Amino acid sequence: MTEGATVEQEGKQEEDDPAMHQRLYAAAYFAVQRAAESEAVSTAAPILGSPDRAAALRARNAERARKQRANMSASQRERTKAKNRERARASRARQTQEQRVPVREVERLRKQVRRAQQMPAERKIERDHNRMQQQVRRAAQADADRHAVQAERRAGQTDNDRENVRQMNRTREVARRAGQTDNERETVRQINRERNAATRAAQTNDQRFASQALDRERHASMRASQSEDRGGAFSFAS
C-alpha cells in the first residue's frame, strides 16, 4: 500500500470513528507532555543542586585561605593586614555616612564568618597579635613623651650622675635577661621592634633626636655590660 493510500485510509477511519481519533490524539499529546516534563526536570536538577555546589566552593576557598594564612610569616601577615587596612581606609573615605552603615554590618558578618572558619590555634595567635598591636599603639605616644622627659633630665645631670644611672641600668638589664627563656627574649625583641617603629612614626624631629640620643646611650650601656660579662668570665676561667 502506498503512502498516499495509507494517509487516505487513516483520514477515512477518522471520519468513520471520531471517538477513536480523539483517544489517539489525547494519548499522543500526553506522551509529548511527559517527555517535555522529564526533560525540564533533568535540566533543573543541576540548578537545584547549585546551593550545595556553592557551599562546597566556599568551603574549598576558606580552606585554601586558611592554608595560605598558616604558611605566611609574621611579616607577610603584617604586610597583608596593612594593605587591607589601607584599602579599607581609602574605601571609607569615598563613602557617605548612609553607605558606611550597611558596609560596617557586612564587614562585621565577614569577620564573624572568617573567625568561624579559623582553627582555635589560629584564633589565639590572631588575638595575641592584636593585643600586642594595641599595646604598641597605646605605648607609642607615651614612649615619645617619656623620651623627651628623659632627655631633659639628662641635660641637668652631671657626668657622674649619668654614669651611675648607666650602671644601674646595666645591672637591671643583666638580671632581667638572665631570668628570661629564649621564647620570652624573642617576644620582647618583637615587641620592642614594633614599639620603636610606632614611636618613630609618631615623633616630631626634636623627639626623634632625643630618642636617638637615648638609643645611643642604651647601646653604649649594653656594650659595656657585655664587656664586663666577658671580662668576668675570662677572669673566672683564668
Protein backbone atom coordinates (compact mmCIF):
# COMPACT_ATOMS: atom_id res chain seq x y z
CA MET A 1 0.00 0.00 0.00
CA THR A 2 1.42 3.39 -0.94
CA GLU A 3 1.92 6.29 1.45
CA GLY A 4 -0.83 8.29 -0.19
CA ALA A 5 -3.26 5.42 0.18
CA THR A 6 -2.30 4.98 3.83
CA VAL A 7 -2.97 8.66 4.62
CA GLU A 8 -6.24 8.49 2.72
CA GLN A 9 -7.26 5.37 4.65
CA GLU A 10 -6.35 6.98 8.03
CA GLY A 11 -8.40 10.03 7.10
CA LYS A 12 -11.33 7.80 6.19
CA GLN A 13 -11.00 5.94 9.53
CA GLU A 14 -11.02 9.27 11.42
CA GLU A 15 -14.22 10.23 9.62
CA ASP A 16 -15.77 6.80 10.33
CA ASP A 17 -14.73 6.72 14.07
CA PRO A 18 -14.24 10.22 15.57
CA ALA A 19 -14.03 8.86 19.15
CA MET A 20 -11.09 6.61 18.27
CA HIS A 21 -9.35 9.55 16.64
CA GLN A 22 -9.83 11.66 19.79
CA ARG A 23 -8.37 8.93 22.03
CA LEU A 24 -5.34 8.51 19.80
CA TYR A 25 -4.76 12.24 19.73
CA ALA A 26 -5.05 12.52 23.51
CA ALA A 27 -2.59 9.65 24.04
CA ALA A 28 -0.07 11.24 21.70
CA TYR A 29 -0.50 14.63 23.40
CA PHE A 30 0.09 13.22 26.89
CA ALA A 31 3.17 11.33 25.67
CA VAL A 32 4.64 14.57 24.34
CA GLN A 33 3.82 16.35 27.63
CA ARG A 34 5.52 13.66 29.72
CA ALA A 35 8.62 13.84 27.56
CA ALA A 36 8.75 17.63 27.93
CA GLU A 37 8.31 17.41 31.72
CA SER A 38 11.06 14.79 32.02
CA GLU A 39 13.42 16.99 30.04
CA ALA A 40 12.58 20.00 32.22
CA VAL A 41 13.24 18.04 35.43
CA SER A 42 16.58 16.75 34.15
CA THR A 43 17.58 20.31 33.20
CA ALA A 44 16.51 21.75 36.55
CA ALA A 45 18.37 19.15 38.64
CA PRO A 46 21.77 20.85 38.38
CA ILE A 47 20.12 24.18 39.21
CA LEU A 48 18.54 22.74 42.34
CA GLY A 49 21.93 21.41 43.37
CA SER A 50 23.69 24.75 42.87
CA PRO A 51 23.45 25.83 46.57
CA ASP A 52 25.32 22.68 47.56
CA ARG A 53 27.97 23.36 44.96
CA ALA A 54 28.24 26.98 46.10
CA ALA A 55 28.66 25.86 49.71
CA ALA A 56 31.33 23.35 48.68
CA LEU A 57 33.12 26.07 46.70
CA ARG A 58 33.06 28.43 49.69
CA ALA A 59 34.42 25.67 51.91
CA ARG A 60 37.27 24.98 49.46
CA ASN A 61 38.09 28.69 49.23
CA ALA A 62 38.06 29.02 53.02
CA GLU A 63 40.36 26.02 53.38
CA ARG A 64 42.72 27.42 50.75
CA ALA A 65 42.78 30.82 52.52
CA ARG A 66 43.39 29.12 55.88
CA LYS A 67 46.37 27.22 54.48
CA GLN A 68 47.76 30.40 52.94
CA ARG A 69 47.49 32.21 56.27
CA ALA A 70 49.11 29.28 58.07
CA ASN A 71 52.07 29.36 55.65
CA MET A 72 52.58 33.13 55.97
CA SER A 73 55.42 34.50 58.02
CA ALA A 74 54.71 37.15 60.66
CA SER A 75 55.99 39.91 58.37
CA GLN A 76 53.82 38.70 55.48
CA ARG A 77 50.74 38.66 57.71
CA GLU A 78 51.53 42.17 58.90
CA ARG A 79 52.00 43.44 55.33
CA THR A 80 48.72 41.83 54.26
CA LYS A 81 46.88 43.41 57.19
CA ALA A 82 48.46 46.79 56.43
CA LYS A 83 47.33 46.58 52.79
CA ASN A 84 43.83 45.58 53.84
CA ARG A 85 43.66 48.45 56.33
CA GLU A 86 44.83 50.95 53.72
CA ARG A 87 42.34 49.60 51.18
CA ALA A 88 39.52 49.82 53.73
CA ARG A 89 40.58 53.33 54.75
CA ALA A 90 40.51 54.53 51.13
CA SER A 91 37.15 52.87 50.58
CA ARG A 92 35.66 54.51 53.70
CA ALA A 93 36.93 57.91 52.57
CA ARG A 94 34.86 57.59 49.39
CA GLN A 95 31.69 56.58 51.21
CA THR A 96 28.90 58.74 52.56
CA GLN A 97 27.51 58.25 56.06
CA GLU A 98 24.50 56.37 54.66
CA GLN A 99 26.79 53.99 52.80
CA ARG A 100 29.00 53.31 55.83
CA VAL A 101 26.27 51.76 57.97
CA PRO A 102 25.49 48.73 55.73
CA VAL A 103 29.18 48.35 54.90
CA ARG A 104 30.03 48.08 58.60
CA GLU A 105 27.38 45.39 59.00
CA VAL A 106 28.76 43.44 56.04
CA GLU A 107 32.29 43.77 57.45
CA ARG A 108 31.13 42.57 60.86
CA LEU A 109 29.47 39.50 59.30
CA ARG A 110 32.55 38.83 57.16
CA LYS A 111 34.81 38.86 60.23
CA GLN A 112 32.38 36.62 62.07
CA VAL A 113 32.44 34.08 59.21
CA ARG A 114 36.24 34.26 58.99
CA ARG A 115 36.62 33.63 62.72
CA ALA A 116 34.24 30.68 62.48
CA GLN A 117 36.44 29.17 59.76
CA GLN A 118 39.65 29.56 61.76
CA MET A 119 41.22 26.85 63.83
CA PRO A 120 41.39 27.54 67.61
CA ALA A 121 45.17 27.94 67.42
CA GLU A 122 44.80 30.50 64.61
CA ARG A 123 42.27 32.49 66.63
CA LYS A 124 44.60 32.54 69.64
CA ILE A 125 47.56 33.70 67.53
CA GLU A 126 45.46 36.47 65.99
CA ARG A 127 44.15 37.60 69.39
CA ASP A 128 47.68 37.69 70.81
CA HIS A 129 48.94 39.65 67.83
CA ASN A 130 46.06 42.14 68.01
CA ARG A 131 46.65 42.58 71.74
CA MET A 132 50.33 43.25 71.09
CA GLN A 133 49.48 45.79 68.37
CA GLN A 134 47.11 47.62 70.72
CA GLN A 135 49.76 47.76 73.42
CA VAL A 136 52.27 49.13 70.91
CA ARG A 137 49.87 51.81 69.68
CA ARG A 138 48.95 52.88 73.21
CA ALA A 139 52.59 52.99 74.26
CA ALA A 140 53.81 54.88 71.18
CA GLN A 141 52.84 58.37 72.30
CA ALA A 142 53.76 57.65 75.91
CA ASP A 143 57.21 56.47 74.80
CA ALA A 144 57.77 59.63 72.78
CA ASP A 145 56.81 61.83 75.72
CA ARG A 146 58.92 59.77 78.13
CA HIS A 147 61.96 60.06 75.88
CA ALA A 148 61.59 63.83 75.80
CA VAL A 149 61.37 63.96 79.62
CA GLN A 150 64.41 61.71 79.95
CA ALA A 151 66.38 63.92 77.58
CA GLU A 152 65.54 66.99 79.65
CA ARG A 153 66.50 65.19 82.86
CA ARG A 154 69.84 64.05 81.43
CA ALA A 155 70.58 67.60 80.36
CA GLY A 156 70.60 68.59 84.05
CA GLN A 157 72.77 65.67 85.20
CA THR A 158 76.49 65.66 85.80
CA ASP A 159 78.74 63.09 84.17
CA ASN A 160 78.91 61.19 87.46
CA ASP A 161 75.09 61.09 87.72
CA ARG A 162 74.76 59.74 84.19
CA GLU A 163 77.39 57.08 84.85
CA ASN A 164 75.57 55.95 87.99
CA VAL A 165 72.30 55.69 86.04
CA ARG A 166 74.00 53.70 83.29
CA GLN A 167 75.48 51.31 85.85
CA MET A 168 72.08 50.71 87.44
CA ASN A 169 70.52 50.15 84.03
CA ARG A 170 73.23 47.65 83.11
CA THR A 171 72.74 45.71 86.32
CA ARG A 172 68.97 45.64 85.89
CA GLU A 173 69.25 44.57 82.23
CA VAL A 174 71.65 41.72 83.02
CA ALA A 175 69.36 40.44 85.77
CA ARG A 176 66.30 40.66 83.52
CA ARG A 177 67.93 38.77 80.64
CA ALA A 178 69.21 36.08 82.98
CA GLY A 179 65.67 35.29 84.11
CA GLN A 180 64.19 35.01 80.60
CA THR A 181 63.67 31.98 78.39
CA ASP A 182 64.56 32.07 74.69
CA ASN A 183 60.89 32.48 73.74
CA GLU A 184 60.45 35.35 76.19
CA ARG A 185 63.52 37.11 74.82
CA GLU A 186 62.24 36.75 71.26
CA THR A 187 58.83 38.07 72.28
CA VAL A 188 60.41 41.08 73.98
CA ARG A 189 62.54 41.78 70.91
CA GLN A 190 59.46 41.63 68.66
CA ILE A 191 57.51 43.96 70.95
CA ASN A 192 60.44 46.37 71.09
CA ARG A 193 60.76 46.42 67.30
CA GLU A 194 57.09 47.18 66.81
CA ARG A 195 57.03 49.75 69.61
CA ASN A 196 60.08 51.50 68.20
CA ALA A 197 58.53 51.61 64.73
CA ALA A 198 55.29 53.06 66.10
CA THR A 199 57.19 55.54 68.27
CA ARG A 200 59.30 56.79 65.37
CA ALA A 201 56.19 57.29 63.26
CA ALA A 202 54.59 59.45 65.99
CA GLN A 203 57.67 61.54 66.86
CA THR A 204 58.47 65.11 65.97
CA ASN A 205 62.01 65.95 64.85
CA ASP A 206 63.02 67.08 68.36
CA GLN A 207 61.60 63.93 69.91
CA ARG A 208 63.34 61.83 67.28
CA PHE A 209 66.72 63.43 68.07
CA ALA A 210 66.16 62.84 71.79
CA SER A 211 65.20 59.23 71.12
CA GLN A 212 68.32 58.69 69.02
CA ALA A 213 70.45 60.06 71.84
CA LEU A 214 68.74 57.71 74.27
CA ASP A 215 69.30 54.77 71.92
CA ARG A 216 72.99 55.59 71.64
CA GLU A 217 73.28 55.73 75.40
CA ARG A 218 71.42 52.46 75.83
CA HIS A 219 73.60 50.72 73.25
CA ALA A 220 76.71 52.02 74.96
CA SER A 221 75.42 50.64 78.26
CA MET A 222 74.69 47.28 76.69
CA ARG A 223 78.14 47.07 75.11
CA ALA A 224 79.75 47.98 78.41
CA SER A 225 77.66 45.36 80.19
CA GLN A 226 78.64 42.70 77.66
CA SER A 227 82.30 43.65 78.01
CA GLU A 228 82.06 43.31 81.78
CA ASP A 229 80.37 39.92 81.42
CA ARG A 230 83.10 38.68 79.09
CA GLY A 231 85.81 40.09 81.36
CA GLY A 232 84.32 38.35 84.39
CA ALA A 233 84.06 35.07 82.54
CA PHE A 234 87.69 35.35 81.38
CA SER A 235 88.92 36.08 84.93
CA PHE A 236 86.98 33.11 86.28
CA ALA A 237 88.44 30.84 83.61
CA SER A 238 91.96 32.03 84.41
